[in-house]
């Protein structure tokens, strides 16, 4: 009985505790979660040099593949790999003995043909008076004249054979066709080369160099539009379709970004634009020429060709990571009054490194989300943490972010 007396008074307090726990759990379920932290950047206008980057490939200004015009055994190689060679410098010697013999044979056949022509000339000269005196038939003179013509043709053919044999003998010595740098040799002494097939070496002129790249039709039209705005106009052909060089538009300047993200210290200029848009890729092939006095640029290097477009005094640049694209439409997450997110449609311009030019849709002083876009739904509240444009674009990642702000 004592146990019943001691338990009964405690029952009301146990029920009260359970009720308190249930009410606290209900309160937790009803309380809204705190707004998520997002990084925002305050939009600013600033003077900017606009540019466009294109993937390009470096090519030699001139490049020649050395191949032999005659077949035979390589007797001598007179250069070292990578040498700077001059135009006319002797590089290879092919075994000349077969070609010396061929030249001697051609000269002998020429001498025989000239002897036959001499005899034919004498026959015609001798038979002419005899025919006039009816001492020999006229047919004899006709035959002699025909033989004279044949012999004269044989002499011309043998002279041509001698000239060809002389050319073949001269082609046994292979000289550099230009001044430049020679690459790795492809054949050694004693190797057999085939006429026009065997590659001996490659010779390049690399100061200056070319950088080939492709631009889209839209980028081409934007470039032409810019040239018209700054007062330059396209050249006008004459009635024959030719364009006077003095009337050509000024070629846009170009810069190079190397694969290590360093800017090449020599500026170049666009000197070629293809005549037509490729129907396959929808792009135009373009070319820029760059000085290369220290031979830093090598053929085959991949680079970025930067075309400087214009100076924009009031440009709005936002980090590319802040831009959301859906089916060709672009939006920015703008934090408005009450720290509520608005998905704002915008019109974008050219990319500028890690940033993107905004043509319209946002104004200076507005805040856009640069980090935490997945947590920023339209109409939802957020807790903004202001960062600088340099921090937002990754240019100053070590600087601390600002506190939350409007």
Protein backbone atom coordinates (compact mmCIF):
# COMPACT_ATOMS: atom_id res chain seq x y z
CA UNK A 1 0.00 0.00 0.00
CA UNK A 2 2.91 2.34 0.67
CA UNK A 3 4.08 2.02 -2.91
CA UNK A 4 0.67 3.22 -4.19
CA UNK A 5 0.74 6.20 -1.87
CA UNK A 6 4.21 7.26 -3.08
CA UNK A 7 3.45 6.96 -6.84
CA UNK A 8 0.05 8.66 -7.12
CA UNK A 9 1.19 12.14 -6.21
CA UNK A 10 3.81 12.07 -9.01
CA UNK A 11 1.48 11.31 -11.91
CA UNK A 12 0.23 14.87 -12.51
CA UNK A 13 3.81 16.25 -12.81
CA UNK A 14 4.75 13.50 -15.34
CA UNK A 15 1.79 14.40 -17.56
CA UNK A 16 2.71 18.07 -17.32
CA UNK A 17 6.26 17.37 -18.47
CA UNK A 18 5.07 15.42 -21.48
CA UNK A 19 2.72 18.22 -22.43
CA UNK A 20 5.56 20.76 -22.15
CA UNK A 21 7.80 18.69 -24.45
CA UNK A 22 5.03 18.35 -27.04
CA UNK A 23 4.38 22.09 -27.02
CA UNK A 24 8.09 22.88 -27.51
CA UNK A 25 8.33 20.47 -30.46
CA UNK A 26 5.31 22.08 -32.05
CA UNK A 27 6.88 25.51 -31.58
CA UNK A 28 10.05 24.35 -33.30
CA UNK A 29 8.09 23.08 -36.31
CA UNK A 30 6.26 26.36 -36.72
CA UNK A 31 9.37 28.64 -36.48
CA UNK A 32 10.69 29.54 -40.03
CA UNK A 33 14.34 28.71 -40.85
CA UNK A 34 16.77 31.64 -40.91
CA UNK A 35 17.49 33.13 -44.36
CA UNK A 36 20.54 31.60 -46.07
CA UNK A 37 23.82 33.50 -46.30
CA UNK A 38 24.73 34.65 -49.81
CA UNK A 39 27.55 36.80 -51.12
CA UNK A 40 26.44 39.88 -53.01
CA UNK A 41 28.27 42.50 -55.03
CA UNK A 42 27.16 46.10 -55.41
CA UNK A 43 27.05 47.01 -59.10
CA UNK A 44 29.41 49.78 -60.14
CA UNK A 45 30.15 51.56 -63.38
CA UNK A 46 33.81 51.93 -64.27
CA UNK A 47 35.95 52.72 -67.30
CA UNK A 48 37.01 49.50 -69.04
CA UNK A 49 38.87 48.51 -72.16
CA UNK A 50 36.65 45.95 -73.85
CA UNK A 51 38.26 43.05 -75.63
CA UNK A 52 37.48 39.64 -77.06
CA UNK A 53 39.61 36.50 -76.68
CA UNK A 54 39.91 33.77 -79.32
CA UNK A 55 41.74 30.47 -79.19
CA UNK A 56 44.53 30.51 -81.75
CA UNK A 57 47.56 28.60 -82.96
CA UNK A 58 50.99 29.98 -83.79
CA UNK A 59 52.36 29.28 -87.27
CA UNK A 60 55.64 30.15 -88.93
CA UNK A 61 55.77 33.21 -91.16
CA UNK A 62 57.28 30.94 -93.82
CA UNK A 63 57.79 27.19 -93.68
CA UNK A 64 59.45 24.96 -96.25
CA UNK A 65 59.73 21.17 -96.30
CA UNK A 66 63.02 20.18 -97.90
CA UNK A 67 62.70 17.29 -100.36
CA UNK A 68 65.13 16.14 -103.00
CA UNK A 69 64.43 16.64 -106.71
CA UNK A 70 66.62 13.64 -107.47
CA UNK A 71 66.87 10.17 -106.00
CA UNK A 72 70.01 8.66 -104.58
CA UNK A 73 72.20 8.09 -101.56
CA UNK A 74 72.82 10.95 -99.12
CA UNK A 75 76.58 11.63 -99.06
CA UNK A 76 76.74 14.62 -96.72
CA UNK A 77 74.59 16.51 -94.21
CA UNK A 78 76.15 19.92 -93.62
CA UNK A 79 74.11 21.38 -90.75
CA UNK A 80 73.28 20.75 -87.11
CA UNK A 81 69.72 20.36 -85.90
CA UNK A 82 68.24 23.71 -84.91
CA UNK A 83 70.86 25.76 -86.78
CA UNK A 84 70.06 29.20 -88.12
CA UNK A 85 70.86 28.84 -91.81
CA UNK A 86 71.17 31.46 -94.52
CA UNK A 87 69.60 31.47 -97.95
CA UNK A 88 71.84 29.58 -100.38
CA UNK A 89 73.69 27.66 -97.64
CA UNK A 90 74.56 24.08 -98.64
CA UNK A 91 72.60 21.57 -96.54
CA UNK A 92 72.72 18.14 -98.26
CA UNK A 93 74.75 16.45 -100.98
CA UNK A 94 73.32 13.50 -102.91
CA UNK A 95 75.66 11.00 -104.62
CA UNK A 96 76.54 12.74 -107.89
CA UNK A 97 78.26 9.90 -109.78
CA UNK A 98 75.15 8.54 -111.58
CA UNK A 99 74.22 12.05 -112.67
CA UNK A 100 77.74 12.85 -113.89
CA UNK A 101 77.58 9.71 -116.01
CA UNK A 102 74.10 10.66 -117.29
CA UNK A 103 75.41 14.11 -118.28
CA UNK A 104 78.38 12.59 -120.15
CA UNK A 105 76.02 10.23 -121.99
CA UNK A 106 73.71 13.12 -122.93
CA UNK A 107 76.66 15.13 -124.26
CA UNK A 108 77.83 12.17 -126.34
CA UNK A 109 74.39 11.73 -127.87
CA UNK A 110 74.33 15.45 -128.62
CA UNK A 111 77.67 15.19 -130.41
CA UNK A 112 76.38 12.30 -132.50
CA UNK A 113 73.19 14.20 -133.39
CA UNK A 114 75.25 17.26 -134.37
CA UNK A 115 77.42 15.03 -136.62
CA UNK A 116 74.31 13.62 -138.28
CA UNK A 117 73.02 17.14 -138.84
CA UNK A 118 76.33 18.20 -140.34
CA UNK A 119 76.19 15.30 -142.83
CA UNK A 120 72.57 16.12 -143.67
CA UNK A 121 73.49 19.75 -144.31
CA UNK A 122 76.34 18.65 -146.60
CA UNK A 123 74.06 16.28 -148.53
CA UNK A 124 71.52 19.02 -149.18
CA UNK A 125 74.27 21.41 -150.22
CA UNK A 126 75.81 18.84 -152.57
CA UNK A 127 72.56 17.54 -154.16
CA UNK A 128 71.15 20.99 -154.93
CA UNK A 129 73.41 21.81 -157.94
CA UNK A 130 73.28 18.21 -159.19
CA UNK A 131 69.49 18.29 -159.35
CA UNK A 132 69.67 21.54 -161.29
CA UNK A 133 71.88 19.77 -163.86
CA UNK A 134 69.64 16.68 -163.83
CA UNK A 135 72.62 14.67 -162.60
CA UNK A 136 70.59 13.10 -159.77
CA UNK A 137 66.86 12.63 -159.29
CA UNK A 138 65.00 15.32 -157.36
CA UNK A 139 63.82 12.57 -155.00
CA UNK A 140 67.37 12.26 -153.71
CA UNK A 141 67.43 15.93 -152.78
CA UNK A 142 64.03 15.64 -151.12
CA UNK A 143 65.22 12.71 -149.03
CA UNK A 144 68.32 14.61 -147.99
CA UNK A 145 66.24 17.64 -146.99
CA UNK A 146 63.91 15.46 -144.92
CA UNK A 147 66.89 13.87 -143.18
CA UNK A 148 68.25 17.35 -142.51
CA UNK A 149 65.01 18.31 -140.73
CA UNK A 150 65.05 15.11 -138.68
CA UNK A 151 68.67 15.64 -137.72
CA UNK A 152 67.98 19.22 -136.69
CA UNK A 153 65.17 18.03 -134.40
CA UNK A 154 67.41 15.37 -132.91
CA UNK A 155 70.01 17.99 -132.09
CA UNK A 156 67.39 20.08 -130.25
CA UNK A 157 66.22 17.01 -128.32
CA UNK A 158 69.77 16.09 -127.35
CA UNK A 159 70.44 19.65 -126.19
CA UNK A 160 67.36 19.43 -123.98
CA UNK A 161 68.64 16.13 -122.57
CA UNK A 162 71.95 17.78 -121.75
CA UNK A 163 70.18 20.65 -119.98
CA UNK A 164 68.07 18.20 -117.98
CA UNK A 165 71.16 16.18 -117.02
CA UNK A 166 72.87 19.39 -115.89
CA UNK A 167 69.84 20.29 -113.77
CA UNK A 168 69.78 16.82 -112.20
CA UNK A 169 73.46 17.10 -111.37
CA UNK A 170 72.94 20.55 -109.84
CA UNK A 171 70.01 19.20 -107.79
CA UNK A 172 72.36 16.77 -106.08
CA UNK A 173 73.42 19.73 -103.91
CA UNK A 174 70.48 20.94 -101.82
CA UNK A 175 70.71 24.54 -100.62
CA UNK A 176 68.57 26.49 -98.18
CA UNK A 177 65.82 28.38 -100.06
CA UNK A 178 65.54 31.02 -97.31
CA UNK A 179 67.10 32.34 -94.13
CA UNK A 180 65.60 30.75 -91.04
CA UNK A 181 65.85 27.97 -88.48
CA UNK A 182 66.12 24.36 -89.56
CA UNK A 183 64.53 21.57 -87.54
CA UNK A 184 65.50 17.96 -86.89
CA UNK A 185 67.10 16.13 -89.81
CA UNK A 186 64.98 13.24 -91.07
CA UNK A 187 67.66 11.28 -92.98
CA UNK A 188 71.31 10.50 -92.27
CA UNK A 189 74.32 9.94 -94.52
CA UNK A 190 73.95 6.70 -96.41
CA UNK A 191 70.15 6.81 -96.57
CA UNK A 192 68.36 6.42 -99.88
CA UNK A 193 66.02 9.29 -100.75
CA UNK A 194 63.15 9.12 -103.23
CA UNK A 195 62.40 11.93 -105.65
CA UNK A 196 59.86 14.38 -104.16
CA UNK A 197 58.84 11.94 -101.40
CA UNK A 198 61.49 11.68 -98.72
CA UNK A 199 61.35 14.54 -96.21
CA UNK A 200 64.88 15.73 -95.42
CA UNK A 201 64.14 18.53 -92.92
CA UNK A 202 61.79 21.46 -92.31
CA UNK A 203 62.92 25.08 -92.45
CA UNK A 204 60.97 27.92 -90.80
CA UNK A 205 61.06 31.69 -90.61
CA UNK A 206 59.77 32.60 -87.13
CA UNK A 207 60.27 36.35 -86.93
CA UNK A 208 57.56 37.46 -87.32
CA UNK A 209 55.00 34.69 -86.71
CA UNK A 210 51.33 34.24 -87.51
CA UNK A 211 48.55 33.41 -85.08
CA UNK A 212 45.51 31.85 -86.77
CA UNK A 213 42.11 31.93 -85.04
CA UNK A 214 38.40 31.77 -85.86
CA UNK A 215 35.69 34.31 -85.12
CA UNK A 216 31.94 33.82 -85.31
CA UNK A 217 29.70 35.68 -87.70
CA UNK A 218 28.23 37.70 -84.81
CA UNK A 219 31.70 38.67 -83.58
CA UNK A 220 32.70 39.70 -87.09
CA UNK A 221 29.61 41.90 -87.44
CA UNK A 222 30.28 43.47 -84.04
CA UNK A 223 33.84 44.27 -85.16
CA UNK A 224 32.63 45.86 -88.39
CA UNK A 225 30.00 47.83 -86.46
CA UNK A 226 32.68 49.16 -84.13
CA UNK A 227 34.92 50.20 -87.04
CA UNK A 228 32.02 52.12 -88.58
CA UNK A 229 31.24 53.86 -85.26
CA UNK A 230 34.80 55.13 -84.86
CA UNK A 231 34.78 56.58 -88.35
CA UNK A 232 36.50 53.84 -90.35
CA UNK A 233 34.73 52.40 -93.34
CA UNK A 234 35.14 49.29 -95.39
CA UNK A 235 37.18 49.56 -98.61
CA UNK A 236 35.25 50.12 -101.83
CA UNK A 237 36.33 48.06 -104.86
CA UNK A 238 36.60 49.63 -108.31
CA UNK A 239 34.82 48.38 -111.42
CA UNK A 240 37.29 45.50 -111.77
CA UNK A 241 36.73 44.33 -108.19
CA UNK A 242 40.17 45.41 -106.99
CA UNK A 243 40.64 47.35 -103.76
CA UNK A 244 43.13 50.18 -103.50
CA UNK A 245 45.48 49.52 -100.58
CA UNK A 246 45.20 53.15 -99.48
CA UNK A 247 41.44 52.76 -98.95
CA UNK A 248 41.61 49.71 -96.69
CA UNK A 249 40.24 49.98 -93.17
CA UNK A 250 42.70 50.16 -90.32
CA UNK A 251 43.47 46.67 -89.05
CA UNK A 252 42.52 46.11 -85.39
CA UNK A 253 45.34 45.64 -82.90
CA UNK A 254 45.92 42.28 -81.24
CA UNK A 255 47.61 40.85 -78.17
CA UNK A 256 48.63 37.33 -77.20
CA UNK A 257 48.00 35.43 -73.98
CA UNK A 258 50.34 32.47 -73.59
CA UNK A 259 49.36 29.12 -72.12
CA UNK A 260 50.81 30.17 -68.72
CA UNK A 261 48.35 33.13 -68.71
CA UNK A 262 51.19 35.63 -69.22
CA UNK A 263 50.69 38.43 -71.72
CA UNK A 264 53.17 38.38 -74.61
CA UNK A 265 55.14 41.61 -74.57
CA UNK A 266 54.90 42.29 -78.33
CA UNK A 267 51.72 43.67 -79.84
CA UNK A 268 50.47 42.50 -83.21
CA UNK A 269 47.91 43.35 -85.83
CA UNK A 270 45.23 41.47 -87.72
CA UNK A 271 46.39 41.19 -91.33
CA UNK A 272 44.02 38.63 -92.85
CA UNK A 273 40.34 37.77 -92.75
CA UNK A 274 38.99 34.94 -94.89
CA UNK A 275 36.80 35.74 -97.85
CA UNK A 276 33.78 33.70 -96.66
CA UNK A 277 32.09 32.20 -93.61
CA UNK A 278 32.56 28.45 -93.32
CA UNK A 279 29.19 26.72 -93.89
CA UNK A 280 30.28 23.93 -91.52
CA UNK A 281 31.44 25.92 -88.48
CA UNK A 282 29.82 29.30 -89.12
CA UNK A 283 33.14 31.04 -88.45
CA UNK A 284 35.69 33.12 -90.31
CA UNK A 285 39.37 32.28 -90.28
CA UNK A 286 41.45 35.26 -89.21
CA UNK A 287 45.16 35.84 -88.80
CA UNK A 288 47.30 38.22 -86.77
CA UNK A 289 51.01 38.83 -87.21
CA UNK A 290 53.35 39.34 -84.22
CA UNK A 291 57.04 40.23 -83.94
CA UNK A 292 59.13 37.42 -82.47
CA UNK A 293 62.67 38.81 -82.05
CA UNK A 294 63.62 36.51 -79.16
CA UNK A 295 62.07 33.38 -80.73
CA UNK A 296 59.71 32.88 -77.76
CA UNK A 297 56.79 31.93 -79.97
CA UNK A 298 57.11 28.54 -81.65
CA UNK A 299 54.95 27.11 -84.45
CA UNK A 300 52.21 24.88 -83.06
CA UNK A 301 51.83 26.74 -79.73
CA UNK A 302 48.24 27.31 -78.60
CA UNK A 303 47.53 30.87 -77.49
CA UNK A 304 44.66 33.28 -76.93
CA UNK A 305 44.42 36.11 -79.41
CA UNK A 306 42.97 39.19 -77.76
CA UNK A 307 41.38 41.83 -79.96
CA UNK A 308 40.99 45.17 -78.24
CA UNK A 309 37.55 46.48 -79.13
CA UNK A 310 37.06 49.91 -77.56
CA UNK A 311 37.16 52.01 -74.39
CA UNK A 312 33.89 51.94 -72.42
CA UNK A 313 33.66 54.79 -69.89
CA UNK A 314 30.65 53.44 -67.93
CA UNK A 315 30.85 49.67 -68.23
CA UNK A 316 29.00 47.30 -65.89
CA UNK A 317 30.96 44.11 -65.34
CA UNK A 318 29.72 41.16 -63.32
CA UNK A 319 31.41 37.81 -62.57
CA UNK A 320 30.55 35.12 -65.07
CA UNK A 321 29.61 32.79 -62.21
CA UNK A 322 26.79 35.19 -61.24
CA UNK A 323 25.09 34.85 -64.64
CA UNK A 324 22.45 32.17 -65.11
CA UNK A 325 21.63 31.00 -68.64
CA UNK A 326 18.55 29.09 -69.75
CA UNK A 327 17.93 28.42 -73.45
CA UNK A 328 19.86 31.50 -74.52
CA UNK A 329 18.22 33.78 -71.93
CA UNK A 330 20.30 35.33 -69.14
CA UNK A 331 19.31 36.34 -65.60
CA UNK A 332 20.96 37.81 -62.53
CA UNK A 333 19.76 37.24 -58.97
CA UNK A 334 19.15 40.76 -57.63
CA UNK A 335 18.68 41.32 -53.87
CA UNK A 336 16.03 44.02 -53.54
CA UNK A 337 14.26 45.76 -50.63
CA UNK A 338 13.80 43.56 -47.58
CA UNK A 339 16.66 41.37 -48.82
CA UNK A 340 14.25 39.53 -51.15
CA UNK A 341 15.64 37.87 -54.29
CA UNK A 342 14.43 38.82 -57.76
CA UNK A 343 15.47 36.88 -60.87
CA UNK A 344 16.17 39.75 -63.27
CA UNK A 345 16.45 39.15 -67.05
CA UNK A 346 19.49 40.93 -68.50
CA UNK A 347 21.21 41.43 -71.85
CA UNK A 348 24.85 40.39 -71.89
CA UNK A 349 27.76 41.64 -73.97
CA UNK A 350 31.27 40.25 -74.40
CA UNK A 351 33.15 38.24 -71.80
CA UNK A 352 36.12 39.96 -70.17
CA UNK A 353 38.26 37.32 -68.50
CA UNK A 354 36.37 36.19 -65.37
CA UNK A 355 33.78 38.94 -65.89
CA UNK A 356 30.94 39.59 -68.29
CA UNK A 357 29.72 42.89 -69.70
CA UNK A 358 26.08 43.69 -68.93
CA UNK A 359 24.41 45.77 -71.63
CA UNK A 360 21.06 46.27 -69.88
CA UNK A 361 18.82 44.96 -67.10
CA UNK A 362 20.55 46.19 -63.93
CA UNK A 363 21.63 49.59 -62.62
CA UNK A 364 24.52 50.90 -60.52
CA UNK A 365 23.93 50.49 -56.79
CA UNK A 366 21.88 47.30 -57.09
CA UNK A 367 23.09 44.15 -55.38
CA UNK A 368 23.53 40.88 -57.26
CA UNK A 369 24.27 37.44 -55.82
CA UNK A 370 27.70 36.06 -56.76
CA UNK A 371 27.84 33.08 -54.37
CA UNK A 372 24.95 30.93 -53.13
CA UNK A 373 22.74 31.01 -56.20
CA UNK A 374 21.35 27.56 -55.43
CA UNK A 375 19.94 28.92 -52.16
CA UNK A 376 18.51 32.08 -53.75
CA UNK A 377 15.07 31.37 -55.17
CA UNK A 378 12.99 34.15 -56.61
CA UNK A 379 10.85 35.80 -53.92
CA UNK A 380 12.85 34.25 -51.05
CA UNK A 381 14.64 36.25 -48.36
CA UNK A 382 18.41 35.96 -47.96
CA UNK A 383 21.11 37.28 -45.67
CA UNK A 384 23.45 39.26 -47.96
CA UNK A 385 27.18 39.49 -47.28
CA UNK A 386 28.75 42.22 -49.40
CA UNK A 387 32.02 41.46 -51.25
CA UNK A 388 34.09 43.70 -53.50
CA UNK A 389 34.11 43.28 -57.29
CA UNK A 390 37.70 42.01 -57.04
CA UNK A 391 36.67 39.36 -54.51
CA UNK A 392 33.62 38.42 -56.54
CA UNK A 393 35.64 37.83 -59.71
CA UNK A 394 38.40 35.97 -57.87
CA UNK A 395 41.01 38.67 -58.43
CA UNK A 396 41.43 39.34 -54.69
CA UNK A 397 40.49 36.12 -52.96
CA UNK A 398 42.70 36.89 -49.91
CA UNK A 399 40.79 40.07 -48.95
CA UNK A 400 38.11 39.63 -46.27
CA UNK A 401 34.48 40.04 -47.20
CA UNK A 402 32.40 42.92 -45.84
CA UNK A 403 29.57 42.37 -43.41
CA UNK A 404 25.98 42.16 -44.46
CA UNK A 405 24.61 45.31 -46.00
CA UNK A 406 21.89 46.76 -48.12
